[in-house]
């Protein structure tokens, strides 16, 4: 009996492989974008909880915003001690009684520093930061009455470190440095120098250079609401000159 079974020719196999390769090149970026959109939504949820916690804190403390760091606190802060020192709590930890979640300390697309020992740099590096003009590291805390337009003023955002001055959103500024987390994620796309730092902070370079959320960052404003903003929009606000210096970064602006 004659066997009529026929296999694939080499040409047919190559055509099938080529078609699969073309489909993969089209679909993989779509899947990656969908995954990042999910992470961006999760990050926005984190910042929304921080924003609500911040507003509850303001009401409980005579309409005063928290500071970026407060000393003389308990030696066992929420999430563990970090490089700020055992009795110094960051703004995330100060807001913890209002949000009761350690998980929101992390941005899903953030960079967690692999540091061992008692210092927990996952809070202070590669996740979220507070606008230093609204939530200062030093000096007196800011009153709600000092914020002219809370709905337009930046408060908490995706950042390289816990405290963010507007200068690190300026791609021409020497303040942009990877080693101490002084950058807005993705500022390197605008021409900033995101030079590699020494380990373990070298892992922050990609965050500085290419960013997290599809060309933008998530931002909680001084009234608690949250938006996604393009990197260049955040940067252009930081580069505004007087009489509206620093734009939405400056609580004194309308």
C-alpha atoms as a PDB file:
ATOM      1  CA  UNK A   1       0.000   0.000   0.000  1.00  0.00           C
ATOM      2  CA  UNK A   2       1.211   3.453  -0.856  1.00  0.00           C
ATOM      3  CA  UNK A   3       1.731   5.896   2.058  1.00  0.00           C
ATOM      4  CA  UNK A   4       0.478   9.391   1.099  1.00  0.00           C
ATOM      5  CA  UNK A   5       1.571  11.085   4.405  1.00  0.00           C
ATOM      6  CA  UNK A   6       3.344  14.354   3.659  1.00  0.00           C
ATOM      7  CA  UNK A   7       5.451  16.484   5.997  1.00  0.00           C
ATOM      8  CA  UNK A   8       6.094  20.239   5.964  1.00  0.00           C
ATOM      9  CA  UNK A   9       8.719  21.547   3.617  1.00  0.00           C
ATOM     10  CA  UNK A  10      11.521  23.765   4.871  1.00  0.00           C
ATOM     11  CA  UNK A  11       9.993  26.759   3.085  1.00  0.00           C
ATOM     12  CA  UNK A  12       6.629  26.207   4.770  1.00  0.00           C
ATOM     13  CA  UNK A  13       8.261  25.996   8.213  1.00  0.00           C
ATOM     14  CA  UNK A  14      10.210  29.191   7.590  1.00  0.00           C
ATOM     15  CA  UNK A  15       7.034  31.000   6.515  1.00  0.00           C
ATOM     16  CA  UNK A  16       5.211  29.883   9.696  1.00  0.00           C
ATOM     17  CA  UNK A  17       8.152  30.964  11.872  1.00  0.00           C
ATOM     18  CA  UNK A  18       8.258  34.333  10.127  1.00  0.00           C
ATOM     19  CA  UNK A  19       4.530  34.873  10.697  1.00  0.00           C
ATOM     20  CA  UNK A  20       4.852  33.958  14.395  1.00  0.00           C
ATOM     21  CA  UNK A  21       7.808  36.339  14.766  1.00  0.00           C
ATOM     22  CA  UNK A  22       5.869  39.199  13.183  1.00  0.00           C
ATOM     23  CA  UNK A  23       2.859  38.577  15.426  1.00  0.00           C
ATOM     24  CA  UNK A  24       5.087  38.408  18.508  1.00  0.00           C
ATOM     25  CA  UNK A  25       6.797  41.701  17.623  1.00  0.00           C
ATOM     26  CA  UNK A  26       3.350  43.311  17.372  1.00  0.00           C
ATOM     27  CA  UNK A  27       1.745  41.760  20.446  1.00  0.00           C
ATOM     28  CA  UNK A  28       4.567  41.806  23.018  1.00  0.00           C
ATOM     29  CA  UNK A  29       4.679  45.641  23.234  1.00  0.00           C
ATOM     30  CA  UNK A  30       0.884  45.651  23.575  1.00  0.00           C
ATOM     31  CA  UNK A  31       1.064  43.152  26.446  1.00  0.00           C
ATOM     32  CA  UNK A  32       3.885  45.140  28.096  1.00  0.00           C
ATOM     33  CA  UNK A  33       1.851  48.340  27.842  1.00  0.00           C
ATOM     34  CA  UNK A  34      -1.216  46.635  29.306  1.00  0.00           C
ATOM     35  CA  UNK A  35       0.861  45.339  32.212  1.00  0.00           C
ATOM     36  CA  UNK A  36       2.325  48.782  32.876  1.00  0.00           C
ATOM     37  CA  UNK A  37      -1.147  50.334  32.738  1.00  0.00           C
ATOM     38  CA  UNK A  38      -2.185  47.918  35.490  1.00  0.00           C
ATOM     39  CA  UNK A  39       0.854  48.888  37.546  1.00  0.00           C
ATOM     40  CA  UNK A  40       0.154  52.567  36.972  1.00  0.00           C
ATOM     41  CA  UNK A  41      -3.406  52.084  38.234  1.00  0.00           C
ATOM     42  CA  UNK A  42      -2.101  50.282  41.333  1.00  0.00           C
ATOM     43  CA  UNK A  43       0.388  53.105  41.925  1.00  0.00           C
ATOM     44  CA  UNK A  44      -2.393  55.685  41.610  1.00  0.00           C
ATOM     45  CA  UNK A  45      -4.353  53.745  44.235  1.00  0.00           C
ATOM     46  CA  UNK A  46      -1.333  53.929  46.578  1.00  0.00           C
ATOM     47  CA  UNK A  47      -1.037  57.673  46.090  1.00  0.00           C
ATOM     48  CA  UNK A  48      -4.770  58.141  46.555  1.00  0.00           C
ATOM     49  CA  UNK A  49      -4.474  56.456  49.950  1.00  0.00           C
ATOM     50  CA  UNK A  50      -1.484  58.664  50.805  1.00  0.00           C
ATOM     51  CA  UNK A  51      -3.447  61.730  49.692  1.00  0.00           C
ATOM     52  CA  UNK A  52      -6.439  60.866  51.864  1.00  0.00           C
ATOM     53  CA  UNK A  53      -4.159  60.032  54.805  1.00  0.00           C
ATOM     54  CA  UNK A  54      -2.400  63.374  54.358  1.00  0.00           C
ATOM     55  CA  UNK A  55      -5.684  65.278  54.495  1.00  0.00           C
ATOM     56  CA  UNK A  56      -6.757  63.419  57.651  1.00  0.00           C
ATOM     57  CA  UNK A  57      -3.369  64.229  59.193  1.00  0.00           C
ATOM     58  CA  UNK A  58      -3.846  67.906  58.290  1.00  0.00           C
ATOM     59  CA  UNK A  59      -7.219  67.997  60.044  1.00  0.00           C
ATOM     60  CA  UNK A  60      -5.868  66.268  63.161  1.00  0.00           C
ATOM     61  CA  UNK A  61      -2.839  68.572  63.455  1.00  0.00           C
ATOM     62  CA  UNK A  62      -4.455  72.008  63.348  1.00  0.00           C
ATOM     63  CA  UNK A  63      -4.447  72.221  59.533  1.00  0.00           C
ATOM     64  CA  UNK A  64      -0.718  71.556  59.321  1.00  0.00           C
ATOM     65  CA  UNK A  65       0.931  69.341  56.722  1.00  0.00           C
ATOM     66  CA  UNK A  66       3.432  66.705  57.888  1.00  0.00           C
ATOM     67  CA  UNK A  67       7.161  67.224  57.589  1.00  0.00           C
ATOM     68  CA  UNK A  68       9.294  65.003  55.380  1.00  0.00           C
ATOM     69  CA  UNK A  69      11.155  63.818  58.496  1.00  0.00           C
ATOM     70  CA  UNK A  70      10.157  64.100  62.146  1.00  0.00           C
ATOM     71  CA  UNK A  71      12.626  63.278  64.914  1.00  0.00           C
ATOM     72  CA  UNK A  72      12.184  62.036  68.456  1.00  0.00           C
ATOM     73  CA  UNK A  73       9.663  59.402  67.448  1.00  0.00           C
ATOM     74  CA  UNK A  74       9.355  55.761  68.509  1.00  0.00           C
ATOM     75  CA  UNK A  75      12.443  53.656  67.743  1.00  0.00           C
ATOM     76  CA  UNK A  76      10.276  51.059  65.959  1.00  0.00           C
ATOM     77  CA  UNK A  77       8.709  52.968  63.052  1.00  0.00           C
ATOM     78  CA  UNK A  78       6.179  51.337  60.709  1.00  0.00           C
ATOM     79  CA  UNK A  79       8.092  49.373  58.086  1.00  0.00           C
ATOM     80  CA  UNK A  80      11.295  49.335  60.117  1.00  0.00           C
ATOM     81  CA  UNK A  81      14.140  51.761  60.739  1.00  0.00           C
ATOM     82  CA  UNK A  82      15.819  53.237  57.694  1.00  0.00           C
ATOM     83  CA  UNK A  83      18.782  55.403  56.794  1.00  0.00           C
ATOM     84  CA  UNK A  84      17.105  58.440  58.365  1.00  0.00           C
ATOM     85  CA  UNK A  85      17.884  57.029  61.814  1.00  0.00           C
ATOM     86  CA  UNK A  86      15.889  54.887  64.228  1.00  0.00           C
ATOM     87  CA  UNK A  87      13.842  57.673  65.850  1.00  0.00           C
ATOM     88  CA  UNK A  88      13.398  59.734  62.667  1.00  0.00           C
ATOM     89  CA  UNK A  89      10.208  58.909  60.802  1.00  0.00           C
ATOM     90  CA  UNK A  90       9.616  59.757  57.161  1.00  0.00           C
ATOM     91  CA  UNK A  91       6.312  61.248  55.993  1.00  0.00           C
ATOM     92  CA  UNK A  92       5.147  57.768  54.875  1.00  0.00           C
ATOM     93  CA  UNK A  93       5.525  56.509  58.425  1.00  0.00           C
ATOM     94  CA  UNK A  94       3.893  59.609  59.917  1.00  0.00           C
ATOM     95  CA  UNK A  95       0.841  58.944  57.748  1.00  0.00           C
ATOM     96  CA  UNK A  96       0.731  55.228  58.584  1.00  0.00           C
ATOM     97  CA  UNK A  97      -1.906  55.535  61.367  1.00  0.00           C
ATOM     98  CA  UNK A  98      -4.310  56.845  58.714  1.00  0.00           C
ATOM     99  CA  UNK A  99      -3.708  54.331  55.928  1.00  0.00           C
ATOM    100  CA  UNK A 100      -2.582  51.261  57.952  1.00  0.00           C
ATOM    101  CA  UNK A 101      -0.777  49.686  55.012  1.00  0.00           C
ATOM    102  CA  UNK A 102       2.910  48.952  54.533  1.00  0.00           C
ATOM    103  CA  UNK A 103       2.196  47.794  50.993  1.00  0.00           C
ATOM    104  CA  UNK A 104       1.500  51.305  49.727  1.00  0.00           C
ATOM    105  CA  UNK A 105       5.071  52.313  50.602  1.00  0.00           C
ATOM    106  CA  UNK A 106       6.037  50.568  47.345  1.00  0.00           C
ATOM    107  CA  UNK A 107       5.405  51.720  43.794  1.00  0.00           C
ATOM    108  CA  UNK A 108       4.655  48.583  41.705  1.00  0.00           C
ATOM    109  CA  UNK A 109       7.065  49.877  39.047  1.00  0.00           C
ATOM    110  CA  UNK A 110       9.550  51.323  41.537  1.00  0.00           C
ATOM    111  CA  UNK A 111      13.096  50.262  42.362  1.00  0.00           C
ATOM    112  CA  UNK A 112      13.758  48.623  45.719  1.00  0.00           C
ATOM    113  CA  UNK A 113      17.303  49.032  47.011  1.00  0.00           C
ATOM    114  CA  UNK A 114      18.853  45.704  48.107  1.00  0.00           C
ATOM    115  CA  UNK A 115      20.333  46.943  51.394  1.00  0.00           C
ATOM    116  CA  UNK A 116      20.815  44.587  54.338  1.00  0.00           C
ATOM    117  CA  UNK A 117      20.849  45.409  58.039  1.00  0.00           C
ATOM    118  CA  UNK A 118      18.613  47.754  60.002  1.00  0.00           C
ATOM    119  CA  UNK A 119      18.372  50.475  57.373  1.00  0.00           C
ATOM    120  CA  UNK A 120      15.309  49.979  55.198  1.00  0.00           C
ATOM    121  CA  UNK A 121      16.034  52.069  52.122  1.00  0.00           C
ATOM    122  CA  UNK A 122      13.013  50.674  50.296  1.00  0.00           C
ATOM    123  CA  UNK A 123      11.046  53.543  51.795  1.00  0.00           C
ATOM    124  CA  UNK A 124      13.436  56.369  51.107  1.00  0.00           C
ATOM    125  CA  UNK A 125      14.672  55.315  47.651  1.00  0.00           C
ATOM    126  CA  UNK A 126      13.027  54.304  44.407  1.00  0.00           C
ATOM    127  CA  UNK A 127       9.362  54.636  45.373  1.00  0.00           C
ATOM    128  CA  UNK A 128       7.604  57.845  46.433  1.00  0.00           C
ATOM    129  CA  UNK A 129       8.671  61.329  47.424  1.00  0.00           C
ATOM    130  CA  UNK A 130       7.065  64.475  48.838  1.00  0.00           C
ATOM    131  CA  UNK A 131       7.349  67.957  47.355  1.00  0.00           C
ATOM    132  CA  UNK A 132       9.901  69.633  49.619  1.00  0.00           C
ATOM    133  CA  UNK A 133       8.269  73.048  49.232  1.00  0.00           C
ATOM    134  CA  UNK A 134       5.021  71.692  50.699  1.00  0.00           C
ATOM    135  CA  UNK A 135       6.353  68.970  53.004  1.00  0.00           C
ATOM    136  CA  UNK A 136       9.769  70.264  54.112  1.00  0.00           C
ATOM    137  CA  UNK A 137      12.658  68.261  55.528  1.00  0.00           C
ATOM    138  CA  UNK A 138      13.787  71.165  57.706  1.00  0.00           C
ATOM    139  CA  UNK A 139      12.153  74.140  59.358  1.00  0.00           C
ATOM    140  CA  UNK A 140       8.518  74.567  60.299  1.00  0.00           C
ATOM    141  CA  UNK A 141       5.723  72.483  58.831  1.00  0.00           C
ATOM    142  CA  UNK A 142       3.426  74.285  56.410  1.00  0.00           C
ATOM    143  CA  UNK A 143      -0.099  75.370  57.311  1.00  0.00           C
ATOM    144  CA  UNK A 144      -3.019  74.640  54.994  1.00  0.00           C
ATOM    145  CA  UNK A 145      -3.755  78.369  54.882  1.00  0.00           C
ATOM    146  CA  UNK A 146      -0.330  78.966  53.309  1.00  0.00           C
ATOM    147  CA  UNK A 147      -1.280  76.894  50.255  1.00  0.00           C
ATOM    148  CA  UNK A 148      -2.960  79.260  47.812  1.00  0.00           C
ATOM    149  CA  UNK A 149      -4.318  76.601  45.451  1.00  0.00           C
ATOM    150  CA  UNK A 150      -4.272  73.096  47.024  1.00  0.00           C
ATOM    151  CA  UNK A 151      -5.886  71.519  43.946  1.00  0.00           C
ATOM    152  CA  UNK A 152      -3.003  72.795  41.778  1.00  0.00           C
ATOM    153  CA  UNK A 153      -0.078  72.188  44.164  1.00  0.00           C
ATOM    154  CA  UNK A 154       2.099  69.077  43.931  1.00  0.00           C
ATOM    155  CA  UNK A 155       2.307  67.023  47.135  1.00  0.00           C
ATOM    156  CA  UNK A 156       3.377  63.357  46.792  1.00  0.00           C
ATOM    157  CA  UNK A 157       4.699  61.676  43.655  1.00  0.00           C
ATOM    158  CA  UNK A 158       6.737  58.932  42.024  1.00  0.00           C
ATOM    159  CA  UNK A 159      10.303  59.853  42.911  1.00  0.00           C
ATOM    160  CA  UNK A 160      13.859  58.693  43.419  1.00  0.00           C
ATOM    161  CA  UNK A 161      13.845  59.521  47.126  1.00  0.00           C
ATOM    162  CA  UNK A 162      11.473  60.530  49.917  1.00  0.00           C
ATOM    163  CA  UNK A 163      11.978  64.323  49.679  1.00  0.00           C
ATOM    164  CA  UNK A 164      11.857  66.048  46.289  1.00  0.00           C
ATOM    165  CA  UNK A 165      12.952  69.627  45.557  1.00  0.00           C
ATOM    166  CA  UNK A 166      11.709  71.100  42.250  1.00  0.00           C
ATOM    167  CA  UNK A 167      15.274  71.391  40.937  1.00  0.00           C
ATOM    168  CA  UNK A 168      15.452  67.627  40.359  1.00  0.00           C
ATOM    169  CA  UNK A 169      12.701  67.969  37.748  1.00  0.00           C
ATOM    170  CA  UNK A 170      14.919  70.330  35.719  1.00  0.00           C
ATOM    171  CA  UNK A 171      16.981  68.329  33.191  1.00  0.00           C
ATOM    172  CA  UNK A 172      19.560  71.132  33.023  1.00  0.00           C
ATOM    173  CA  UNK A 173      20.174  71.182  36.785  1.00  0.00           C
ATOM    174  CA  UNK A 174      23.228  69.680  38.458  1.00  0.00           C
ATOM    175  CA  UNK A 175      20.878  68.678  41.285  1.00  0.00           C
ATOM    176  CA  UNK A 176      19.785  65.663  39.236  1.00  0.00           C
ATOM    177  CA  UNK A 177      21.889  62.798  40.622  1.00  0.00           C
ATOM    178  CA  UNK A 178      21.260  59.066  40.801  1.00  0.00           C
ATOM    179  CA  UNK A 179      23.412  58.315  43.854  1.00  0.00           C
ATOM    180  CA  UNK A 180      21.161  60.009  46.400  1.00  0.00           C
ATOM    181  CA  UNK A 181      17.914  59.546  44.512  1.00  0.00           C
ATOM    182  CA  UNK A 182      17.590  63.190  43.487  1.00  0.00           C
ATOM    183  CA  UNK A 183      15.547  62.761  40.327  1.00  0.00           C
ATOM    184  CA  UNK A 184      12.058  62.450  38.922  1.00  0.00           C
ATOM    185  CA  UNK A 185      11.624  59.068  37.201  1.00  0.00           C
ATOM    186  CA  UNK A 186      12.169  59.489  33.479  1.00  0.00           C
ATOM    187  CA  UNK A 187      13.897  62.890  33.687  1.00  0.00           C
ATOM    188  CA  UNK A 188      16.700  61.356  31.608  1.00  0.00           C
ATOM    189  CA  UNK A 189      14.363  61.325  28.602  1.00  0.00           C
ATOM    190  CA  UNK A 190      14.483  65.135  28.688  1.00  0.00           C
ATOM    191  CA  UNK A 191      18.270  65.187  28.550  1.00  0.00           C
ATOM    192  CA  UNK A 192      19.273  65.013  32.211  1.00  0.00           C
ATOM    193  CA  UNK A 193      22.508  63.226  33.098  1.00  0.00           C
ATOM    194  CA  UNK A 194      21.532  59.990  34.845  1.00  0.00           C
ATOM    195  CA  UNK A 195      25.053  58.710  35.419  1.00  0.00           C
ATOM    196  CA  UNK A 196      25.426  55.393  37.204  1.00  0.00           C
ATOM    197  CA  UNK A 197      26.067  55.571  40.932  1.00  0.00           C
ATOM    198  CA  UNK A 198      27.976  53.213  43.198  1.00  0.00           C
ATOM    199  CA  UNK A 199      26.260  50.038  44.374  1.00  0.00           C
ATOM    200  CA  UNK A 200      23.675  49.510  45.741  1.00  0.00           C
ATOM    201  CA  UNK A 201      22.223  52.744  44.349  1.00  0.00           C
ATOM    202  CA  UNK A 202      23.292  51.971  40.782  1.00  0.00           C
ATOM    203  CA  UNK A 203      19.966  50.172  40.307  1.00  0.00           C
ATOM    204  CA  UNK A 204      18.254  53.588  40.339  1.00  0.00           C
ATOM    205  CA  UNK A 205      19.860  54.602  37.038  1.00  0.00           C
ATOM    206  CA  UNK A 206      17.168  53.032  34.868  1.00  0.00           C
ATOM    207  CA  UNK A 207      14.460  54.720  36.956  1.00  0.00           C
ATOM    208  CA  UNK A 208      16.085  58.101  36.369  1.00  0.00           C
ATOM    209  CA  UNK A 209      16.725  57.481  32.693  1.00  0.00           C
ATOM    210  CA  UNK A 210      13.598  55.773  31.377  1.00  0.00           C
ATOM    211  CA  UNK A 211      11.031  56.211  34.173  1.00  0.00           C
ATOM    212  CA  UNK A 212       8.118  54.021  35.202  1.00  0.00           C
ATOM    213  CA  UNK A 213       4.669  54.868  33.935  1.00  0.00           C
ATOM    214  CA  UNK A 214       4.731  55.262  30.152  1.00  0.00           C
ATOM    215  CA  UNK A 215       6.407  58.660  29.985  1.00  0.00           C
ATOM    216  CA  UNK A 216       4.840  60.135  33.089  1.00  0.00           C
ATOM    217  CA  UNK A 217       4.494  59.995  36.866  1.00  0.00           C
ATOM    218  CA  UNK A 218       1.556  59.732  39.239  1.00  0.00           C
ATOM    219  CA  UNK A 219       0.972  62.809  41.368  1.00  0.00           C
ATOM    220  CA  UNK A 220      -1.089  63.410  44.511  1.00  0.00           C
ATOM    221  CA  UNK A 221      -1.966  67.068  44.973  1.00  0.00           C
ATOM    222  CA  UNK A 222      -2.223  69.097  48.178  1.00  0.00           C
ATOM    223  CA  UNK A 223      -6.002  68.581  48.319  1.00  0.00           C
ATOM    224  CA  UNK A 224      -5.588  64.784  48.095  1.00  0.00           C
ATOM    225  CA  UNK A 225      -6.662  64.102  44.494  1.00  0.00           C
ATOM    226  CA  UNK A 226      -4.378  62.134  42.147  1.00  0.00           C
ATOM    227  CA  UNK A 227      -3.499  62.478  38.450  1.00  0.00           C
ATOM    228  CA  UNK A 228      -1.037  61.014  35.958  1.00  0.00           C
ATOM    229  CA  UNK A 229       1.180  63.749  34.506  1.00  0.00           C
ATOM    230  CA  UNK A 230       3.675  63.720  31.659  1.00  0.00           C
ATOM    231  CA  UNK A 231       7.320  64.114  32.645  1.00  0.00           C
ATOM    232  CA  UNK A 232       7.761  67.221  30.525  1.00  0.00           C
ATOM    233  CA  UNK A 233       4.711  68.859  32.157  1.00  0.00           C
ATOM    234  CA  UNK A 234       6.103  68.306  35.664  1.00  0.00           C
ATOM    235  CA  UNK A 235       9.505  69.512  34.492  1.00  0.00           C
ATOM    236  CA  UNK A 236       8.150  72.651  32.819  1.00  0.00           C
ATOM    237  CA  UNK A 237       6.459  73.657  36.096  1.00  0.00           C
ATOM    238  CA  UNK A 238       9.767  73.292  37.950  1.00  0.00           C
ATOM    239  CA  UNK A 239      11.501  75.563  35.419  1.00  0.00           C
ATOM    240  CA  UNK A 240       9.081  78.476  35.703  1.00  0.00           C
ATOM    241  CA  UNK A 241      10.651  81.764  36.776  1.00  0.00           C
ATOM    242  CA  UNK A 242       9.378  84.566  39.025  1.00  0.00           C
ATOM    243  CA  UNK A 243       6.734  85.768  39.704  1.00  0.00           C
ATOM    244  CA  UNK A 244       5.383  82.210  39.494  1.00  0.00           C
ATOM    245  CA  UNK A 245       8.672  80.474  40.277  1.00  0.00           C
ATOM    246  CA  UNK A 246       8.459  76.660  40.368  1.00  0.00           C
ATOM    247  CA  UNK A 247       4.840  76.725  39.207  1.00  0.00           C
ATOM    248  CA  UNK A 248       2.743  73.922  40.712  1.00  0.00           C
ATOM    249  CA  UNK A 249       5.628  72.964  43.005  1.00  0.00           C
ATOM    250  CA  UNK A 250       5.304  76.259  44.894  1.00  0.00           C
ATOM    251  CA  UNK A 251       2.447  76.419  47.449  1.00  0.00           C
ATOM    252  CA  UNK A 252       2.472  80.215  47.140  1.00  0.00           C
ATOM    253  CA  UNK A 253       1.314  80.120  43.503  1.00  0.00           C
ATOM    254  CA  UNK A 254      -2.308  80.166  42.436  1.00  0.00           C
END
